């Protein structure tokens, strides 16, 4: 082979390496995206709580060790709030929950907080500092969070008197969205 032919047929190693790097960088991203889709869709037979379905019942211990059972609140409207003391949006929406609980206490409204990926000491301190009047339940192993399909706090479920999920708020709610969802569970007698 002549020198010009050898130069023409020679593989440019810098270019080959770059292609390998691109493949090496994109392949894990593609695999992670596929994994995320599989996780989000869920496995057969396991579905998170959805609007219109019965709220999954649970029994958890509150911060004082007392049992909190969702079924005990049947016949009353319930706000089920998954939160954490380290969650900024949870901190911001807390006064709205406190005010709603106070305004609608005579109407039977129940607020239940499920502490998500937080320490009981931090949750107790937060509840005391912010004047919470409702139960905050620990969810060891995140069994309840899993049943409700929680990915991150805050997430809030509005449960009607019949135990059906009427509305779900993923992320922080505003005063207006809280009032809208509250009206849906308070007016259904």
C-alpha atoms as a PDB file:
ATOM      1  CA  UNK A   1       0.000   0.000   0.000  1.00  0.00           C
ATOM      2  CA  UNK A   2       1.298   3.430  -0.819  1.00  0.00           C
ATOM      3  CA  UNK A   3       1.707   6.170   1.756  1.00  0.00           C
ATOM      4  CA  UNK A   4      -1.273   8.267   0.481  1.00  0.00           C
ATOM      5  CA  UNK A   5      -3.521   5.168   0.420  1.00  0.00           C
ATOM      6  CA  UNK A   6      -2.458   4.206   3.948  1.00  0.00           C
ATOM      7  CA  UNK A   7      -3.188   7.727   5.208  1.00  0.00           C
ATOM      8  CA  UNK A   8      -6.623   7.665   3.554  1.00  0.00           C
ATOM      9  CA  UNK A   9      -7.547   4.251   4.992  1.00  0.00           C
ATOM     10  CA  UNK A  10      -6.180   4.919   8.476  1.00  0.00           C
ATOM     11  CA  UNK A  11      -8.818   5.328  11.193  1.00  0.00           C
ATOM     12  CA  UNK A  12      -8.691   8.630  12.999  1.00  0.00           C
ATOM     13  CA  UNK A  13      -8.404   7.441  16.603  1.00  0.00           C
ATOM     14  CA  UNK A  14      -9.456  10.836  18.043  1.00  0.00           C
ATOM     15  CA  UNK A  15     -12.718  10.650  16.136  1.00  0.00           C
ATOM     16  CA  UNK A  16     -13.321   7.028  17.127  1.00  0.00           C
ATOM     17  CA  UNK A  17     -12.739   7.845  20.767  1.00  0.00           C
ATOM     18  CA  UNK A  18     -15.177  10.743  20.614  1.00  0.00           C
ATOM     19  CA  UNK A  19     -17.903   8.482  19.180  1.00  0.00           C
ATOM     20  CA  UNK A  20     -17.267   5.992  21.950  1.00  0.00           C
ATOM     21  CA  UNK A  21     -17.518   8.764  24.513  1.00  0.00           C
ATOM     22  CA  UNK A  22     -20.825   9.950  23.087  1.00  0.00           C
ATOM     23  CA  UNK A  23     -22.217   6.410  23.160  1.00  0.00           C
ATOM     24  CA  UNK A  24     -20.822   5.855  26.645  1.00  0.00           C
ATOM     25  CA  UNK A  25     -22.417   9.094  27.855  1.00  0.00           C
ATOM     26  CA  UNK A  26     -25.826   8.669  26.227  1.00  0.00           C
ATOM     27  CA  UNK A  27     -26.395   4.976  26.858  1.00  0.00           C
ATOM     28  CA  UNK A  28     -26.704   5.335  30.662  1.00  0.00           C
ATOM     29  CA  UNK A  29     -29.071   8.305  30.207  1.00  0.00           C
ATOM     30  CA  UNK A  30     -31.277   6.270  27.896  1.00  0.00           C
ATOM     31  CA  UNK A  31     -31.251   3.318  30.283  1.00  0.00           C
ATOM     32  CA  UNK A  32     -32.147   5.574  33.224  1.00  0.00           C
ATOM     33  CA  UNK A  33     -35.020   7.093  31.231  1.00  0.00           C
ATOM     34  CA  UNK A  34     -36.360   3.624  30.478  1.00  0.00           C
ATOM     35  CA  UNK A  35     -36.037   2.666  34.141  1.00  0.00           C
ATOM     36  CA  UNK A  36     -37.870   5.844  35.189  1.00  0.00           C
ATOM     37  CA  UNK A  37     -40.751   5.062  32.826  1.00  0.00           C
ATOM     38  CA  UNK A  38     -40.992   1.531  34.223  1.00  0.00           C
ATOM     39  CA  UNK A  39     -40.991   2.831  37.813  1.00  0.00           C
ATOM     40  CA  UNK A  40     -43.557   5.556  37.056  1.00  0.00           C
ATOM     41  CA  UNK A  41     -45.903   3.117  35.341  1.00  0.00           C
ATOM     42  CA  UNK A  42     -45.525   0.731  38.253  1.00  0.00           C
ATOM     43  CA  UNK A  43     -45.696  -2.974  38.421  1.00  0.00           C
ATOM     44  CA  UNK A  44     -48.945  -4.834  37.654  1.00  0.00           C
ATOM     45  CA  UNK A  45     -51.372  -4.898  40.565  1.00  0.00           C
ATOM     46  CA  UNK A  46     -49.772  -1.925  42.321  1.00  0.00           C
ATOM     47  CA  UNK A  47     -51.329   1.430  41.653  1.00  0.00           C
ATOM     48  CA  UNK A  48     -51.081   4.599  43.674  1.00  0.00           C
ATOM     49  CA  UNK A  49     -54.206   6.172  45.062  1.00  0.00           C
ATOM     50  CA  UNK A  50     -56.112   8.086  42.416  1.00  0.00           C
ATOM     51  CA  UNK A  51     -58.925  10.613  42.419  1.00  0.00           C
ATOM     52  CA  UNK A  52     -62.236   8.763  42.533  1.00  0.00           C
ATOM     53  CA  UNK A  53     -60.807   5.691  44.251  1.00  0.00           C
ATOM     54  CA  UNK A  54     -61.111   4.694  47.895  1.00  0.00           C
ATOM     55  CA  UNK A  55     -58.322   6.156  49.997  1.00  0.00           C
ATOM     56  CA  UNK A  56     -56.003   3.337  51.107  1.00  0.00           C
ATOM     57  CA  UNK A  57     -56.527   2.736  54.812  1.00  0.00           C
ATOM     58  CA  UNK A  58     -53.573   2.768  57.156  1.00  0.00           C
ATOM     59  CA  UNK A  59     -52.647   2.740  60.795  1.00  0.00           C
ATOM     60  CA  UNK A  60     -49.535   4.649  61.843  1.00  0.00           C
ATOM     61  CA  UNK A  61     -48.198   5.908  65.158  1.00  0.00           C
ATOM     62  CA  UNK A  62     -48.262   9.635  65.770  1.00  0.00           C
ATOM     63  CA  UNK A  63     -45.327  11.480  67.331  1.00  0.00           C
ATOM     64  CA  UNK A  64     -46.549  10.446  70.803  1.00  0.00           C
ATOM     65  CA  UNK A  65     -46.949   6.791  69.844  1.00  0.00           C
ATOM     66  CA  UNK A  66     -50.761   6.889  69.589  1.00  0.00           C
ATOM     67  CA  UNK A  67     -52.365   5.076  66.665  1.00  0.00           C
ATOM     68  CA  UNK A  68     -53.727   7.138  63.769  1.00  0.00           C
ATOM     69  CA  UNK A  69     -56.086   5.128  61.576  1.00  0.00           C
ATOM     70  CA  UNK A  70     -57.622   6.706  58.502  1.00  0.00           C
ATOM     71  CA  UNK A  71     -60.774   4.566  58.763  1.00  0.00           C
ATOM     72  CA  UNK A  72     -61.526   6.179  62.144  1.00  0.00           C
ATOM     73  CA  UNK A  73     -62.287   9.428  60.303  1.00  0.00           C
ATOM     74  CA  UNK A  74     -64.928   7.944  57.971  1.00  0.00           C
ATOM     75  CA  UNK A  75     -67.879  10.330  57.834  1.00  0.00           C
ATOM     76  CA  UNK A  76     -65.623  13.372  58.133  1.00  0.00           C
ATOM     77  CA  UNK A  77     -63.730  15.292  55.436  1.00  0.00           C
ATOM     78  CA  UNK A  78     -59.972  14.635  55.630  1.00  0.00           C
ATOM     79  CA  UNK A  79     -56.890  16.449  54.401  1.00  0.00           C
ATOM     80  CA  UNK A  80     -54.037  13.941  54.223  1.00  0.00           C
ATOM     81  CA  UNK A  81     -50.770  15.852  53.875  1.00  0.00           C
ATOM     82  CA  UNK A  82     -47.390  14.194  53.243  1.00  0.00           C
ATOM     83  CA  UNK A  83     -44.716  16.603  54.480  1.00  0.00           C
ATOM     84  CA  UNK A  84     -41.243  17.005  56.005  1.00  0.00           C
ATOM     85  CA  UNK A  85     -39.672  19.662  58.199  1.00  0.00           C
ATOM     86  CA  UNK A  86     -36.796  20.067  55.701  1.00  0.00           C
ATOM     87  CA  UNK A  87     -39.179  20.695  52.780  1.00  0.00           C
ATOM     88  CA  UNK A  88     -39.370  24.417  51.895  1.00  0.00           C
ATOM     89  CA  UNK A  89     -42.770  24.267  50.141  1.00  0.00           C
ATOM     90  CA  UNK A  90     -44.154  22.269  53.104  1.00  0.00           C
ATOM     91  CA  UNK A  91     -43.057  25.056  55.443  1.00  0.00           C
ATOM     92  CA  UNK A  92     -44.730  27.661  53.210  1.00  0.00           C
ATOM     93  CA  UNK A  93     -48.077  25.849  52.962  1.00  0.00           C
ATOM     94  CA  UNK A  94     -48.220  24.961  56.663  1.00  0.00           C
ATOM     95  CA  UNK A  95     -49.957  28.203  57.775  1.00  0.00           C
ATOM     96  CA  UNK A  96     -52.664  27.606  55.157  1.00  0.00           C
ATOM     97  CA  UNK A  97     -53.312  24.139  56.582  1.00  0.00           C
ATOM     98  CA  UNK A  98     -53.338  25.493  60.136  1.00  0.00           C
ATOM     99  CA  UNK A  99     -55.868  28.190  59.197  1.00  0.00           C
ATOM    100  CA  UNK A 100     -58.100  25.741  57.295  1.00  0.00           C
ATOM    101  CA  UNK A 101     -58.064  23.311  60.221  1.00  0.00           C
ATOM    102  CA  UNK A 102     -59.107  26.081  62.615  1.00  0.00           C
ATOM    103  CA  UNK A 103     -61.821  27.511  60.317  1.00  0.00           C
ATOM    104  CA  UNK A 104     -63.429  24.151  59.595  1.00  0.00           C
ATOM    105  CA  UNK A 105     -62.945  22.343  62.919  1.00  0.00           C
ATOM    106  CA  UNK A 106     -66.641  22.777  63.802  1.00  0.00           C
ATOM    107  CA  UNK A 107     -67.532  21.224  60.427  1.00  0.00           C
ATOM    108  CA  UNK A 108     -65.604  18.071  61.301  1.00  0.00           C
ATOM    109  CA  UNK A 109     -62.541  18.638  59.108  1.00  0.00           C
ATOM    110  CA  UNK A 110     -59.644  16.377  60.028  1.00  0.00           C
ATOM    111  CA  UNK A 111     -56.052  17.088  59.021  1.00  0.00           C
ATOM    112  CA  UNK A 112     -53.584  14.220  59.179  1.00  0.00           C
ATOM    113  CA  UNK A 113     -49.916  14.836  58.488  1.00  0.00           C
ATOM    114  CA  UNK A 114     -47.749  11.939  57.372  1.00  0.00           C
ATOM    115  CA  UNK A 115     -44.092  12.685  58.010  1.00  0.00           C
ATOM    116  CA  UNK A 116     -42.102  11.761  54.912  1.00  0.00           C
ATOM    117  CA  UNK A 117     -38.384  10.910  55.143  1.00  0.00           C
ATOM    118  CA  UNK A 118     -37.809  12.969  58.268  1.00  0.00           C
ATOM    119  CA  UNK A 119     -36.806  12.402  61.880  1.00  0.00           C
ATOM    120  CA  UNK A 120     -39.502  12.369  64.549  1.00  0.00           C
ATOM    121  CA  UNK A 121     -37.576  14.947  66.630  1.00  0.00           C
ATOM    122  CA  UNK A 122     -37.418  17.389  63.724  1.00  0.00           C
ATOM    123  CA  UNK A 123     -41.103  16.829  62.915  1.00  0.00           C
ATOM    124  CA  UNK A 124     -42.146  17.322  66.560  1.00  0.00           C
ATOM    125  CA  UNK A 125     -40.111  20.529  66.845  1.00  0.00           C
ATOM    126  CA  UNK A 126     -41.598  21.864  63.609  1.00  0.00           C
ATOM    127  CA  UNK A 127     -45.169  21.037  64.696  1.00  0.00           C
ATOM    128  CA  UNK A 128     -44.685  22.726  68.077  1.00  0.00           C
ATOM    129  CA  UNK A 129     -43.013  25.837  66.610  1.00  0.00           C
ATOM    130  CA  UNK A 130     -45.793  26.290  64.081  1.00  0.00           C
ATOM    131  CA  UNK A 131     -48.765  25.590  66.331  1.00  0.00           C
ATOM    132  CA  UNK A 132     -50.096  22.441  64.681  1.00  0.00           C
ATOM    133  CA  UNK A 133     -53.255  21.049  66.218  1.00  0.00           C
ATOM    134  CA  UNK A 134     -53.470  17.792  64.246  1.00  0.00           C
ATOM    135  CA  UNK A 135     -51.776  14.421  64.340  1.00  0.00           C
ATOM    136  CA  UNK A 136     -48.456  13.947  62.604  1.00  0.00           C
ATOM    137  CA  UNK A 137     -47.789  10.275  61.948  1.00  0.00           C
ATOM    138  CA  UNK A 138     -44.470   8.644  61.220  1.00  0.00           C
ATOM    139  CA  UNK A 139     -44.325   6.301  58.207  1.00  0.00           C
ATOM    140  CA  UNK A 140     -41.421   3.933  58.840  1.00  0.00           C
ATOM    141  CA  UNK A 141     -40.483   2.108  55.667  1.00  0.00           C
ATOM    142  CA  UNK A 142     -42.684   4.527  53.697  1.00  0.00           C
ATOM    143  CA  UNK A 143     -45.408   1.903  53.346  1.00  0.00           C
ATOM    144  CA  UNK A 144     -48.228   4.482  53.362  1.00  0.00           C
ATOM    145  CA  UNK A 145     -46.328   6.886  51.095  1.00  0.00           C
ATOM    146  CA  UNK A 146     -45.887   4.024  48.645  1.00  0.00           C
ATOM    147  CA  UNK A 147     -49.599   3.141  48.767  1.00  0.00           C
ATOM    148  CA  UNK A 148     -50.398   6.754  47.875  1.00  0.00           C
ATOM    149  CA  UNK A 149     -47.719   6.976  45.172  1.00  0.00           C
ATOM    150  CA  UNK A 150     -45.745   9.724  46.895  1.00  0.00           C
ATOM    151  CA  UNK A 151     -42.533  10.719  45.130  1.00  0.00           C
ATOM    152  CA  UNK A 152     -41.620  13.814  47.166  1.00  0.00           C
ATOM    153  CA  UNK A 153     -43.284  16.180  49.614  1.00  0.00           C
ATOM    154  CA  UNK A 154     -45.505  18.032  49.728  1.00  0.00           C
ATOM    155  CA  UNK A 155     -48.374  15.990  48.384  1.00  0.00           C
ATOM    156  CA  UNK A 156     -51.884  16.342  49.712  1.00  0.00           C
ATOM    157  CA  UNK A 157     -55.022  14.248  49.322  1.00  0.00           C
ATOM    158  CA  UNK A 158     -58.516  15.570  49.942  1.00  0.00           C
ATOM    159  CA  UNK A 159     -60.713  12.709  51.091  1.00  0.00           C
ATOM    160  CA  UNK A 160     -64.493  12.922  51.185  1.00  0.00           C
ATOM    161  CA  UNK A 161     -66.733  11.795  54.019  1.00  0.00           C
ATOM    162  CA  UNK A 162     -67.272   8.467  52.244  1.00  0.00           C
ATOM    163  CA  UNK A 163     -63.520   7.711  52.152  1.00  0.00           C
ATOM    164  CA  UNK A 164     -63.112   8.505  48.452  1.00  0.00           C
ATOM    165  CA  UNK A 165     -60.232  10.619  47.191  1.00  0.00           C
ATOM    166  CA  UNK A 166     -61.860  13.767  45.810  1.00  0.00           C
ATOM    167  CA  UNK A 167     -58.699  15.695  44.879  1.00  0.00           C
ATOM    168  CA  UNK A 168     -54.917  15.420  44.920  1.00  0.00           C
ATOM    169  CA  UNK A 169     -52.380  18.219  45.051  1.00  0.00           C
ATOM    170  CA  UNK A 170     -48.862  17.323  43.936  1.00  0.00           C
ATOM    171  CA  UNK A 171     -46.513  19.988  45.215  1.00  0.00           C
ATOM    172  CA  UNK A 172     -47.293  23.109  47.166  1.00  0.00           C
ATOM    173  CA  UNK A 173     -50.835  24.415  47.101  1.00  0.00           C
ATOM    174  CA  UNK A 174     -51.877  28.063  47.016  1.00  0.00           C
ATOM    175  CA  UNK A 175     -54.612  29.537  49.196  1.00  0.00           C
ATOM    176  CA  UNK A 176     -56.967  29.488  46.199  1.00  0.00           C
ATOM    177  CA  UNK A 177     -56.286  25.857  45.276  1.00  0.00           C
ATOM    178  CA  UNK A 178     -56.648  24.800  48.923  1.00  0.00           C
ATOM    179  CA  UNK A 179     -60.024  26.547  49.168  1.00  0.00           C
ATOM    180  CA  UNK A 180     -61.214  24.959  45.917  1.00  0.00           C
ATOM    181  CA  UNK A 181     -60.284  21.453  47.051  1.00  0.00           C
ATOM    182  CA  UNK A 182     -61.619  22.063  50.561  1.00  0.00           C
ATOM    183  CA  UNK A 183     -64.975  23.128  49.142  1.00  0.00           C
ATOM    184  CA  UNK A 184     -65.173  19.835  47.263  1.00  0.00           C
ATOM    185  CA  UNK A 185     -64.883  17.766  50.455  1.00  0.00           C
ATOM    186  CA  UNK A 186     -66.744  20.115  52.813  1.00  0.00           C
ATOM    187  CA  UNK A 187     -69.847  20.509  50.625  1.00  0.00           C
ATOM    188  CA  UNK A 188     -70.473  16.841  49.937  1.00  0.00           C
ATOM    189  CA  UNK A 189     -73.003  15.859  52.577  1.00  0.00           C
END
